[in-house]
Amino acid sequence: MENAFAKVSSKGQLVIPAQMREALGIEAGTRVAIRQEGEELILHPQTRAATQRLIDRLRGLTAGGPSMSDELIAERRAEDAKSGW
């Protein structure tokens, strides 16, 4: 998407262009996280679509590693065996 320009109002408000709002699913009331990196502001809309994209990126991140639930079950069984249950 090409650059778009907007002016900051006297109240510090900034209007995100409609095309960008629609593309990102930003509606009235959508929270937007703002982070400063050097001389830049990075905006991250907190929409359901954005949250789902994050979940999709993280999905499978620990695949192939140890299963924490399996380890917990094994620990509990070992404790039960020691206690005589």
PDB file of N, CA and C in Angstrom:
ATOM      1  N   MET A   1       0.844  -1.172   0.000  1.00  0.00           N
ATOM      2  CA  MET A   1       0.000   0.000   0.000  1.00  0.00           C
ATOM      3  C   MET A   1       0.894   1.241   0.000  1.00  0.00           C
ATOM      4  N   GLU A   2       0.505   2.234  -0.720  1.00  0.00           N
ATOM      5  CA  GLU A   2       1.292   3.462  -0.818  1.00  0.00           C
ATOM      6  C   GLU A   2       1.179   4.286   0.457  1.00  0.00           C
ATOM      7  N   ASN A   3       2.121   5.212   0.619  1.00  0.00           N
ATOM      8  CA  ASN A   3       2.066   6.125   1.753  1.00  0.00           C
ATOM      9  C   ASN A   3       0.824   6.988   1.668  1.00  0.00           C
ATOM     10  N   ALA A   4       0.287   7.320   2.817  1.00  0.00           N
ATOM     11  CA  ALA A   4      -0.818   8.262   2.909  1.00  0.00           C
ATOM     12  C   ALA A   4      -0.385   9.327   3.903  1.00  0.00           C
ATOM     13  N   PHE A   5      -0.919  10.495   3.768  1.00  0.00           N
ATOM     14  CA  PHE A   5      -0.533  11.592   4.653  1.00  0.00           C
ATOM     15  C   PHE A   5      -1.756  12.121   5.387  1.00  0.00           C
ATOM     16  N   ALA A   6      -1.539  12.524   6.630  1.00  0.00           N
ATOM     17  CA  ALA A   6      -2.595  13.092   7.456  1.00  0.00           C
ATOM     18  C   ALA A   6      -1.972  14.159   8.340  1.00  0.00           C
ATOM     19  N   LYS A   7      -2.798  15.066   8.798  1.00  0.00           N
ATOM     20  CA  LYS A   7      -2.334  16.112   9.711  1.00  0.00           C
ATOM     21  C   LYS A   7      -2.808  15.803  11.118  1.00  0.00           C
ATOM     22  N   VAL A   8      -1.982  16.149  12.083  1.00  0.00           N
ATOM     23  CA  VAL A   8      -2.349  15.999  13.481  1.00  0.00           C
ATOM     24  C   VAL A   8      -3.124  17.239  13.884  1.00  0.00           C
ATOM     25  N   SER A   9      -4.279  17.034  14.536  1.00  0.00           N
ATOM     26  CA  SER A   9      -5.112  18.162  14.950  1.00  0.00           C
ATOM     27  C   SER A   9      -4.504  18.850  16.172  1.00  0.00           C
ATOM     28  N   SER A  10      -5.077  19.986  16.543  1.00  0.00           N
ATOM     29  CA  SER A  10      -4.595  20.718  17.717  1.00  0.00           C
ATOM     30  C   SER A  10      -4.787  19.906  18.997  1.00  0.00           C
ATOM     31  N   LYS A  11      -5.661  18.904  18.950  1.00  0.00           N
ATOM     32  CA  LYS A  11      -5.894  18.028  20.098  1.00  0.00           C
ATOM     33  C   LYS A  11      -5.025  16.771  20.044  1.00  0.00           C
ATOM     34  N   GLY A  12      -4.132  16.682  19.052  1.00  0.00           N
ATOM     35  CA  GLY A  12      -3.251  15.528  18.931  1.00  0.00           C
ATOM     36  C   GLY A  12      -3.905  14.351  18.225  1.00  0.00           C
ATOM     37  N   GLN A  13      -5.041  14.570  17.592  1.00  0.00           N
ATOM     38  CA  GLN A  13      -5.747  13.491  16.907  1.00  0.00           C
ATOM     39  C   GLN A  13      -5.235  13.324  15.483  1.00  0.00           C
ATOM     40  N   LEU A  14      -5.262  12.097  15.028  1.00  0.00           N
ATOM     41  CA  LEU A  14      -4.801  11.760  13.691  1.00  0.00           C
ATOM     42  C   LEU A  14      -5.858  10.874  13.045  1.00  0.00           C
ATOM     43  N   VAL A  15      -6.226  11.182  11.807  1.00  0.00           N
ATOM     44  CA  VAL A  15      -7.220  10.376  11.100  1.00  0.00           C
ATOM     45  C   VAL A  15      -6.495   9.365  10.215  1.00  0.00           C
ATOM     46  N   ILE A  16      -6.799   8.083  10.432  1.00  0.00           N
ATOM     47  CA  ILE A  16      -6.238   7.023   9.595  1.00  0.00           C
ATOM     48  C   ILE A  16      -7.097   6.955   8.340  1.00  0.00           C
ATOM     49  N   PRO A  17      -6.485   7.009   7.154  1.00  0.00           N
ATOM     50  CA  PRO A  17      -7.267   6.988   5.918  1.00  0.00           C
ATOM     51  C   PRO A  17      -8.212   5.781   5.839  1.00  0.00           C
ATOM     52  N   ALA A  18      -9.398   6.014   5.265  1.00  0.00           N
ATOM     53  CA  ALA A  18     -10.445   4.994   5.197  1.00  0.00           C
ATOM     54  C   ALA A  18      -9.964   3.698   4.561  1.00  0.00           C
ATOM     55  N   GLN A  19      -9.197   3.787   3.490  1.00  0.00           N
ATOM     56  CA  GLN A  19      -8.731   2.586   2.795  1.00  0.00           C
ATOM     57  C   GLN A  19      -7.887   1.716   3.731  1.00  0.00           C
ATOM     58  N   MET A  20      -7.059   2.342   4.542  1.00  0.00           N
ATOM     59  CA  MET A  20      -6.220   1.600   5.483  1.00  0.00           C
ATOM     60  C   MET A  20      -7.058   1.025   6.626  1.00  0.00           C
ATOM     61  N   ARG A  21      -8.025   1.813   7.120  1.00  0.00           N
ATOM     62  CA  ARG A  21      -8.905   1.312   8.186  1.00  0.00           C
ATOM     63  C   ARG A  21      -9.657   0.076   7.713  1.00  0.00           C
ATOM     64  N   GLU A  22     -10.183   0.150   6.510  1.00  0.00           N
ATOM     65  CA  GLU A  22     -10.951  -0.981   5.972  1.00  0.00           C
ATOM     66  C   GLU A  22     -10.060  -2.203   5.777  1.00  0.00           C
ATOM     67  N   ALA A  23      -8.864  -1.997   5.248  1.00  0.00           N
ATOM     68  CA  ALA A  23      -7.950  -3.112   4.990  1.00  0.00           C
ATOM     69  C   ALA A  23      -7.535  -3.812   6.286  1.00  0.00           C
ATOM     70  N   LEU A  24      -7.440  -3.056   7.379  1.00  0.00           N
ATOM     71  CA  LEU A  24      -6.974  -3.608   8.650  1.00  0.00           C
ATOM     72  C   LEU A  24      -8.104  -3.942   9.615  1.00  0.00           C
ATOM     73  N   GLY A  25      -9.342  -3.666   9.217  1.00  0.00           N
ATOM     74  CA  GLY A  25     -10.484  -3.965  10.084  1.00  0.00           C
ATOM     75  C   GLY A  25     -10.600  -3.033  11.268  1.00  0.00           C
ATOM     76  N   ILE A  26     -10.116  -1.807  11.117  1.00  0.00           N
ATOM     77  CA  ILE A  26     -10.187  -0.827  12.201  1.00  0.00           C
ATOM     78  C   ILE A  26     -11.545  -0.128  12.136  1.00  0.00           C
ATOM     79  N   GLU A  27     -12.292  -0.204  13.241  1.00  0.00           N
ATOM     80  CA  GLU A  27     -13.602   0.436  13.332  1.00  0.00           C
ATOM     81  C   GLU A  27     -13.571   1.435  14.479  1.00  0.00           C
ATOM     82  N   ALA A  28     -14.624   2.234  14.585  1.00  0.00           N
ATOM     83  CA  ALA A  28     -14.728   3.170  15.700  1.00  0.00           C
ATOM     84  C   ALA A  28     -14.607   2.398  17.010  1.00  0.00           C
ATOM     85  N   GLY A  29     -13.765   2.873  17.902  1.00  0.00           N
ATOM     86  CA  GLY A  29     -13.572   2.229  19.194  1.00  0.00           C
ATOM     87  C   GLY A  29     -12.445   1.209  19.226  1.00  0.00           C
ATOM     88  N   THR A  30     -11.847   0.893  18.075  1.00  0.00           N
ATOM     89  CA  THR A  30     -10.734  -0.065  18.036  1.00  0.00           C
ATOM     90  C   THR A  30      -9.539   0.517  18.780  1.00  0.00           C
ATOM     91  N   ARG A  31      -8.965  -0.267  19.685  1.00  0.00           N
ATOM     92  CA  ARG A  31      -7.760   0.168  20.381  1.00  0.00           C
ATOM     93  C   ARG A  31      -6.572   0.018  19.444  1.00  0.00           C
ATOM     94  N   VAL A  32      -5.634   0.957  19.530  1.00  0.00           N
ATOM     95  CA  VAL A  32      -4.432   0.922  18.704  1.00  0.00           C
ATOM     96  C   VAL A  32      -3.230   1.085  19.628  1.00  0.00           C
ATOM     97  N   ALA A  33      -2.337   0.094  19.615  1.00  0.00           N
ATOM     98  CA  ALA A  33      -1.105   0.184  20.392  1.00  0.00           C
ATOM     99  C   ALA A  33      -0.122   1.043  19.593  1.00  0.00           C
ATOM    100  N   ILE A  34       0.557   1.953  20.284  1.00  0.00           N
ATOM    101  CA  ILE A  34       1.504   2.860  19.631  1.00  0.00           C
ATOM    102  C   ILE A  34       2.867   2.692  20.294  1.00  0.00           C
ATOM    103  N   ARG A  35       3.883   2.444  19.464  1.00  0.00           N
ATOM    104  CA  ARG A  35       5.242   2.261  19.975  1.00  0.00           C
ATOM    105  C   ARG A  35       6.178   3.192  19.217  1.00  0.00           C
ATOM    106  N   GLN A  36       7.090   3.816  19.930  1.00  0.00           N
ATOM    107  CA  GLN A  36       8.087   4.675  19.292  1.00  0.00           C
ATOM    108  C   GLN A  36       9.357   3.884  19.083  1.00  0.00           C
ATOM    109  N   GLU A  37       9.863   3.917  17.849  1.00  0.00           N
ATOM    110  CA  GLU A  37      11.154   3.320  17.517  1.00  0.00           C
ATOM    111  C   GLU A  37      11.985   4.404  16.861  1.00  0.00           C
ATOM    112  N   GLY A  38      12.875   4.989  17.645  1.00  0.00           N
ATOM    113  CA  GLY A  38      13.676   6.104  17.137  1.00  0.00           C
ATOM    114  C   GLY A  38      12.774   7.265  16.762  1.00  0.00           C
ATOM    115  N   GLU A  39      12.822   7.647  15.494  1.00  0.00           N
ATOM    116  CA  GLU A  39      12.021   8.775  15.000  1.00  0.00           C
ATOM    117  C   GLU A  39      10.694   8.329  14.394  1.00  0.00           C
ATOM    118  N   GLU A  40      10.333   7.056  14.548  1.00  0.00           N
ATOM    119  CA  GLU A  40       9.118   6.523  13.939  1.00  0.00           C
ATOM    120  C   GLU A  40       8.109   6.113  14.983  1.00  0.00           C
ATOM    121  N   LEU A  41       6.826   6.200  14.626  1.00  0.00           N
ATOM    122  CA  LEU A  41       5.743   5.667  15.437  1.00  0.00           C
ATOM    123  C   LEU A  41       5.212   4.429  14.730  1.00  0.00           C
ATOM    124  N   ILE A  42       5.077   3.347  15.467  1.00  0.00           N
ATOM    125  CA  ILE A  42       4.554   2.100  14.928  1.00  0.00           C
ATOM    126  C   ILE A  42       3.174   1.891  15.538  1.00  0.00           C
ATOM    127  N   LEU A  43       2.163   1.745  14.686  1.00  0.00           N
ATOM    128  CA  LEU A  43       0.791   1.551  15.143  1.00  0.00           C
ATOM    129  C   LEU A  43       0.402   0.092  14.946  1.00  0.00           C
ATOM    130  N   HIS A  44      -0.189  -0.513  15.974  1.00  0.00           N
ATOM    131  CA  HIS A  44      -0.668  -1.890  15.898  1.00  0.00           C
ATOM    132  C   HIS A  44      -2.127  -1.920  16.327  1.00  0.00           C
ATOM    133  N   PRO A  45      -3.056  -2.016  15.367  1.00  0.00           N
ATOM    134  CA  PRO A  45      -4.465  -2.083  15.745  1.00  0.00           C
ATOM    135  C   PRO A  45      -4.744  -3.376  16.502  1.00  0.00           C
ATOM    136  N   GLN A  46      -5.541  -3.270  17.544  1.00  0.00           N
ATOM    137  CA  GLN A  46      -5.871  -4.427  18.366  1.00  0.00           C
ATOM    138  C   GLN A  46      -7.246  -4.962  17.951  1.00  0.00           C
ATOM    139  N   THR A  47      -7.335  -5.436  16.726  1.00  0.00           N
ATOM    140  CA  THR A  47      -8.578  -5.984  16.205  1.00  0.00           C
ATOM    141  C   THR A  47      -8.578  -7.495  16.354  1.00  0.00           C
ATOM    142  N   ARG A  48      -9.732  -8.112  16.200  1.00  0.00           N
ATOM    143  CA  ARG A  48      -9.798  -9.574  16.250  1.00  0.00           C
ATOM    144  C   ARG A  48      -8.947 -10.176  15.140  1.00  0.00           C
ATOM    145  N   ALA A  49      -8.979  -9.556  13.965  1.00  0.00           N
ATOM    146  CA  ALA A  49      -8.189 -10.065  12.838  1.00  0.00           C
ATOM    147  C   ALA A  49      -6.696 -10.002  13.165  1.00  0.00           C
ATOM    148  N   ALA A  50      -6.254  -8.901  13.787  1.00  0.00           N
ATOM    149  CA  ALA A  50      -4.846  -8.761  14.153  1.00  0.00           C
ATOM    150  C   ALA A  50      -4.463  -9.791  15.205  1.00  0.00           C
ATOM    151  N   THR A  51      -5.349 -10.015  16.166  1.00  0.00           N
ATOM    152  CA  THR A  51      -5.096 -11.011  17.197  1.00  0.00           C
ATOM    153  C   THR A  51      -5.007 -12.396  16.582  1.00  0.00           C
ATOM    154  N   GLN A  52      -5.898 -12.696  15.638  1.00  0.00           N
ATOM    155  CA  GLN A  52      -5.874 -13.996  14.977  1.00  0.00           C
ATOM    156  C   GLN A  52      -4.590 -14.180  14.171  1.00  0.00           C
ATOM    157  N   ARG A  53      -4.124 -13.094  13.507  1.00  0.00           N
ATOM    158  CA  ARG A  53      -2.870 -13.191  12.760  1.00  0.00           C
ATOM    159  C   ARG A  53      -1.712 -13.508  13.697  1.00  0.00           C
ATOM    160  N   LEU A  54      -1.695 -12.901  14.872  1.00  0.00           N
ATOM    161  CA  LEU A  54      -0.653 -13.171  15.862  1.00  0.00           C
ATOM    162  C   LEU A  54      -0.712 -14.625  16.309  1.00  0.00           C
ATOM    163  N   ILE A  55      -1.906 -15.110  16.599  1.00  0.00           N
ATOM    164  CA  ILE A  55      -2.070 -16.505  17.014  1.00  0.00           C
ATOM    165  C   ILE A  55      -1.589 -17.435  15.915  1.00  0.00           C
ATOM    166  N   ASP A  56      -1.938 -17.133  14.672  1.00  0.00           N
ATOM    167  CA  ASP A  56      -1.509 -17.965  13.549  1.00  0.00           C
ATOM    168  C   ASP A  56       0.005 -17.999  13.418  1.00  0.00           C
ATOM    169  N   ARG A  57       0.657 -16.827  13.648  1.00  0.00           N
ATOM    170  CA  ARG A  57       2.121 -16.787  13.564  1.00  0.00           C
ATOM    171  C   ARG A  57       2.769 -17.599  14.682  1.00  0.00           C
ATOM    172  N   LEU A  58       2.141 -17.608  15.868  1.00  0.00           N
ATOM    173  CA  LEU A  58       2.709 -18.308  17.015  1.00  0.00           C
ATOM    174  C   LEU A  58       2.388 -19.798  17.015  1.00  0.00           C
ATOM    175  N   ARG A  59       1.326 -20.168  16.306  1.00  0.00           N
ATOM    176  CA  ARG A  59       0.907 -21.567  16.277  1.00  0.00           C
ATOM    177  C   ARG A  59       2.045 -22.440  15.753  1.00  0.00           C
ATOM    178  N   GLY A  60       2.310 -23.516  16.458  1.00  0.00           N
ATOM    179  CA  GLY A  60       3.344 -24.448  16.036  1.00  0.00           C
ATOM    180  C   GLY A  60       4.749 -24.028  16.432  1.00  0.00           C
ATOM    181  N   LEU A  61       4.871 -22.900  17.121  1.00  0.00           N
ATOM    182  CA  LEU A  61       6.187 -22.401  17.505  1.00  0.00           C
ATOM    183  C   LEU A  61       6.940 -23.397  18.372  1.00  0.00           C
ATOM    184  N   THR A  62       6.212 -24.116  19.221  1.00  0.00           N
ATOM    185  CA  THR A  62       6.862 -25.081  20.106  1.00  0.00           C
ATOM    186  C   THR A  62       6.684 -26.520  19.629  1.00  0.00           C
ATOM    187  N   ALA A  63       6.213 -26.693  18.406  1.00  0.00           N
ATOM    188  CA  ALA A  63       6.014 -28.046  17.877  1.00  0.00           C
ATOM    189  C   ALA A  63       7.318 -28.824  17.891  1.00  0.00           C
ATOM    190  N   GLY A  64       7.213 -30.074  18.264  1.00  0.00           N
ATOM    191  CA  GLY A  64       8.392 -30.927  18.298  1.00  0.00           C
ATOM    192  C   GLY A  64       9.118 -30.887  19.628  1.00  0.00           C
ATOM    193  N   GLY A  65       8.751 -29.944  20.469  1.00  0.00           N
ATOM    194  CA  GLY A  65       9.381 -29.851  21.780  1.00  0.00           C
ATOM    195  C   GLY A  65       8.657 -30.725  22.783  1.00  0.00           C
ATOM    196  N   PRO A  66       9.104 -30.702  24.019  1.00  0.00           N
ATOM    197  CA  PRO A  66       8.467 -31.535  25.036  1.00  0.00           C
ATOM    198  C   PRO A  66       7.055 -31.044  25.325  1.00  0.00           C
ATOM    199  N   SER A  67       6.178 -31.976  25.619  1.00  0.00           N
ATOM    200  CA  SER A  67       4.801 -31.638  25.972  1.00  0.00           C
ATOM    201  C   SER A  67       4.753 -31.349  27.465  1.00  0.00           C
ATOM    202  N   MET A  68       4.386 -30.150  27.823  1.00  0.00           N
ATOM    203  CA  MET A  68       4.329 -29.782  29.239  1.00  0.00           C
ATOM    204  C   MET A  68       3.268 -30.588  29.966  1.00  0.00           C
ATOM    205  N   SER A  69       2.159 -30.881  29.307  1.00  0.00           N
ATOM    206  CA  SER A  69       1.120 -31.675  29.966  1.00  0.00           C
ATOM    207  C   SER A  69       1.607 -33.097  30.200  1.00  0.00           C
ATOM    208  N   ASP A  70       2.331 -33.669  29.235  1.00  0.00           N
ATOM    209  CA  ASP A  70       2.877 -35.015  29.426  1.00  0.00           C
ATOM    210  C   ASP A  70       3.874 -35.035  30.579  1.00  0.00           C
ATOM    211  N   GLU A  71       4.708 -34.004  30.676  1.00  0.00           N
ATOM    212  CA  GLU A  71       5.672 -33.924  31.775  1.00  0.00           C
ATOM    213  C   GLU A  71       4.967 -33.804  33.116  1.00  0.00           C
ATOM    214  N   LEU A  72       3.899 -32.999  33.167  1.00  0.00           N
ATOM    215  CA  LEU A  72       3.155 -32.818  34.408  1.00  0.00           C
ATOM    216  C   LEU A  72       2.494 -34.121  34.834  1.00  0.00           C
ATOM    217  N   ILE A  73       1.895 -34.827  33.891  1.00  0.00           N
ATOM    218  CA  ILE A  73       1.270 -36.116  34.201  1.00  0.00           C
ATOM    219  C   ILE A  73       2.314 -37.104  34.722  1.00  0.00           C
ATOM    220  N   ALA A  74       3.481 -37.144  34.085  1.00  0.00           N
ATOM    221  CA  ALA A  74       4.549 -38.043  34.522  1.00  0.00           C
ATOM    222  C   ALA A  74       5.000 -37.697  35.940  1.00  0.00           C
ATOM    223  N   GLU A  75       5.113 -36.394  36.245  1.00  0.00           N
ATOM    224  CA  GLU A  75       5.497 -35.973  37.597  1.00  0.00           C
ATOM    225  C   GLU A  75       4.471 -36.434  38.623  1.00  0.00           C
ATOM    226  N   ARG A  76       3.197 -36.244  38.309  1.00  0.00           N
ATOM    227  CA  ARG A  76       2.133 -36.627  39.246  1.00  0.00           C
ATOM    228  C   ARG A  76       2.127 -38.143  39.475  1.00  0.00           C
ATOM    229  N   ARG A  77       2.336 -38.911  38.410  1.00  0.00           N
ATOM    230  CA  ARG A  77       2.371 -40.364  38.542  1.00  0.00           C
ATOM    231  C   ARG A  77       3.558 -40.799  39.397  1.00  0.00           C
ATOM    232  N   ALA A  78       4.696 -40.121  39.208  1.00  0.00           N
ATOM    233  CA  ALA A  78       5.879 -40.441  40.018  1.00  0.00           C
ATOM    234  C   ALA A  78       5.609 -40.104  41.476  1.00  0.00           C
ATOM    235  N   GLU A  79       4.963 -38.983  41.745  1.00  0.00           N
ATOM    236  CA  GLU A  79       4.635 -38.615  43.133  1.00  0.00           C
ATOM    237  C   GLU A  79       3.679 -39.620  43.740  1.00  0.00           C
ATOM    238  N   ASP A  80       2.666 -40.058  42.943  1.00  0.00           N
ATOM    239  CA  ASP A  80       1.712 -41.043  43.431  1.00  0.00           C
ATOM    240  C   ASP A  80       2.410 -42.364  43.756  1.00  0.00           C
ATOM    241  N   ALA A  81       3.355 -42.763  42.903  1.00  0.00           N
ATOM    242  CA  ALA A  81       4.083 -44.008  43.117  1.00  0.00           C
ATOM    243  C   ALA A  81       4.897 -43.941  44.406  1.00  0.00           C
ATOM    244  N   LYS A  82       5.482 -42.801  44.685  1.00  0.00           N
ATOM    245  CA  LYS A  82       6.296 -42.635  45.904  1.00  0.00           C
ATOM    246  C   LYS A  82       5.419 -42.657  47.146  1.00  0.00           C
ATOM    247  N   SER A  83       4.207 -42.094  47.034  1.00  0.00           N
ATOM    248  CA  SER A  83       3.337 -42.006  48.197  1.00  0.00           C
ATOM    249  C   SER A  83       2.527 -43.282  48.424  1.00  0.00           C
ATOM    250  N   GLY A  84       2.591 -44.222  47.472  1.00  0.00           N
ATOM    251  CA  GLY A  84       1.910 -45.492  47.645  1.00  0.00           C
ATOM    252  C   GLY A  84       0.467 -45.494  47.147  1.00  0.00           C
ATOM    253  N   TRP A  85       0.058 -44.548  46.404  1.00  0.00           N
ATOM    254  CA  TRP A  85      -1.322 -44.531  45.881  1.00  0.00           C
ATOM    255  C   TRP A  85      -1.490 -45.497  44.813  1.00  0.00           C
TER     256      TRP A  85
END
